[in-house]
Structure formats: structure tokens, C-alpha cells
Amino acid sequence: MSSIDKIFDKVVGIVFGFAFMALIGLIMSLVLIWCINGHRTAVPMIFSVNPAPPAYSKLYRMS
């Protein structure tokens, strides 16, 4: 094996190592995005037809 072959092997190893790490990062980020966007549960809201003023009057009349 000549020195050019050794250098080429090292460069190819480094390139494939970076590519493998980038692929793992891509997969992890896609999984995180999928987890964040997957939980879209609607919160139940209760509305009254005739709203009453709050029990604490200082919140109702800011004076």
C-alpha cells in the first residue's frame, strides 16, 4: 500500500463518518419534530351564555 492509498482510506473514513453522524442527526431531528407536532389535543373550553362578573370586584372594576 502506498502512502496515497493510506491517505485516501483516511479521507474516505472521515467523510463516511461525517455522513453517518449527519444521518443520525437528521433522524433524531425528524423524530423530535414528529413528537412535537404529533400531540395536538384540543383543550375543552367552557363558555357561558350569560357571563357574570367575577367574584373579586377589584378585577372587574379597575378603580
C-alpha atoms as a PDB file:
ATOM      1  CA  MET A   1       0.000   0.000   0.000  1.00  0.00           C
ATOM      2  CA  SER A   2       1.385   3.352  -0.938  1.00  0.00           C
ATOM      3  CA  SER A   3       1.031   6.496   1.104  1.00  0.00           C
ATOM      4  CA  ILE A   4      -1.603   7.825  -1.308  1.00  0.00           C
ATOM      5  CA  ASP A   5      -3.778   4.785  -0.616  1.00  0.00           C
ATOM      6  CA  LYS A   6      -3.424   5.295   3.143  1.00  0.00           C
ATOM      7  CA  ILE A   7      -4.361   8.971   2.867  1.00  0.00           C
ATOM      8  CA  PHE A   8      -7.301   8.098   0.611  1.00  0.00           C
ATOM      9  CA  ASP A   9      -8.517   5.491   3.104  1.00  0.00           C
ATOM     10  CA  LYS A  10      -8.345   8.015   5.948  1.00  0.00           C
ATOM     11  CA  VAL A  11     -10.186  10.675   3.949  1.00  0.00           C
ATOM     12  CA  VAL A  12     -12.900   8.214   2.912  1.00  0.00           C
ATOM     13  CA  GLY A  13     -13.258   7.084   6.529  1.00  0.00           C
ATOM     14  CA  ILE A  14     -13.619  10.655   7.750  1.00  0.00           C
ATOM     15  CA  VAL A  15     -16.145  11.505   5.026  1.00  0.00           C
ATOM     16  CA  PHE A  16     -18.267   8.442   5.750  1.00  0.00           C
ATOM     17  CA  GLY A  17     -18.013   9.134   9.484  1.00  0.00           C
ATOM     18  CA  PHE A  18     -19.344  12.662   8.993  1.00  0.00           C
ATOM     19  CA  ALA A  19     -22.069  11.364   6.684  1.00  0.00           C
ATOM     20  CA  PHE A  20     -23.113   8.785   9.279  1.00  0.00           C
ATOM     21  CA  MET A  21     -23.224  11.422  12.029  1.00  0.00           C
ATOM     22  CA  ALA A  22     -25.273  13.741   9.788  1.00  0.00           C
ATOM     23  CA  LEU A  23     -27.716  10.915   9.081  1.00  0.00           C
ATOM     24  CA  ILE A  24     -28.118  10.199  12.795  1.00  0.00           C
ATOM     25  CA  GLY A  25     -28.691  13.925  13.446  1.00  0.00           C
ATOM     26  CA  LEU A  26     -31.285  14.066  10.683  1.00  0.00           C
ATOM     27  CA  ILE A  27     -33.146  11.072  12.080  1.00  0.00           C
ATOM     28  CA  MET A  28     -33.091  12.491  15.617  1.00  0.00           C
ATOM     29  CA  SER A  29     -34.364  15.889  14.486  1.00  0.00           C
ATOM     30  CA  LEU A  30     -37.151  14.309  12.429  1.00  0.00           C
ATOM     31  CA  VAL A  31     -38.221  12.217  15.414  1.00  0.00           C
ATOM     32  CA  LEU A  32     -38.265  15.304  17.656  1.00  0.00           C
ATOM     33  CA  ILE A  33     -40.287  17.298  15.116  1.00  0.00           C
ATOM     34  CA  TRP A  34     -42.698  14.385  14.761  1.00  0.00           C
ATOM     35  CA  CYS A  35     -43.093  14.163  18.564  1.00  0.00           C
ATOM     36  CA  ILE A  36     -43.702  17.895  18.919  1.00  0.00           C
ATOM     37  CA  ASN A  37     -46.226  18.074  16.080  1.00  0.00           C
ATOM     38  CA  GLY A  38     -47.943  14.812  16.952  1.00  0.00           C
ATOM     39  CA  HIS A  39     -49.658  15.898  20.165  1.00  0.00           C
ATOM     40  CA  ARG A  40     -52.400  18.259  19.011  1.00  0.00           C
ATOM     41  CA  THR A  41     -55.065  17.605  21.621  1.00  0.00           C
ATOM     42  CA  ALA A  42     -57.766  20.260  21.797  1.00  0.00           C
ATOM     43  CA  VAL A  43     -58.325  21.671  25.259  1.00  0.00           C
ATOM     44  CA  PRO A  44     -62.021  21.708  26.205  1.00  0.00           C
ATOM     45  CA  MET A  45     -63.340  25.235  26.688  1.00  0.00           C
ATOM     46  CA  ILE A  46     -66.460  26.073  28.675  1.00  0.00           C
ATOM     47  CA  PHE A  47     -68.328  29.218  27.680  1.00  0.00           C
ATOM     48  CA  SER A  48     -71.374  30.536  29.469  1.00  0.00           C
ATOM     49  CA  VAL A  49     -74.172  32.262  27.585  1.00  0.00           C
ATOM     50  CA  ASN A  50     -74.788  34.828  30.339  1.00  0.00           C
ATOM     51  CA  PRO A  51     -71.392  35.790  31.748  1.00  0.00           C
ATOM     52  CA  ALA A  52     -71.399  37.014  35.327  1.00  0.00           C
ATOM     53  CA  PRO A  53     -68.897  39.485  36.767  1.00  0.00           C
ATOM     54  CA  PRO A  54     -66.014  37.947  38.677  1.00  0.00           C
ATOM     55  CA  ALA A  55     -66.361  37.286  42.386  1.00  0.00           C
ATOM     56  CA  TYR A  56     -63.421  39.549  43.146  1.00  0.00           C
ATOM     57  CA  SER A  57     -64.740  43.014  42.332  1.00  0.00           C
ATOM     58  CA  LYS A  58     -61.343  44.717  42.058  1.00  0.00           C
ATOM     59  CA  LEU A  59     -60.632  42.671  38.962  1.00  0.00           C
ATOM     60  CA  TYR A  60     -63.962  43.666  37.445  1.00  0.00           C
ATOM     61  CA  ARG A  61     -63.763  47.415  38.199  1.00  0.00           C
ATOM     62  CA  MET A  62     -60.212  48.645  37.821  1.00  0.00           C
ATOM     63  CA  SER A  63     -60.555  51.752  40.015  1.00  0.00           C
END
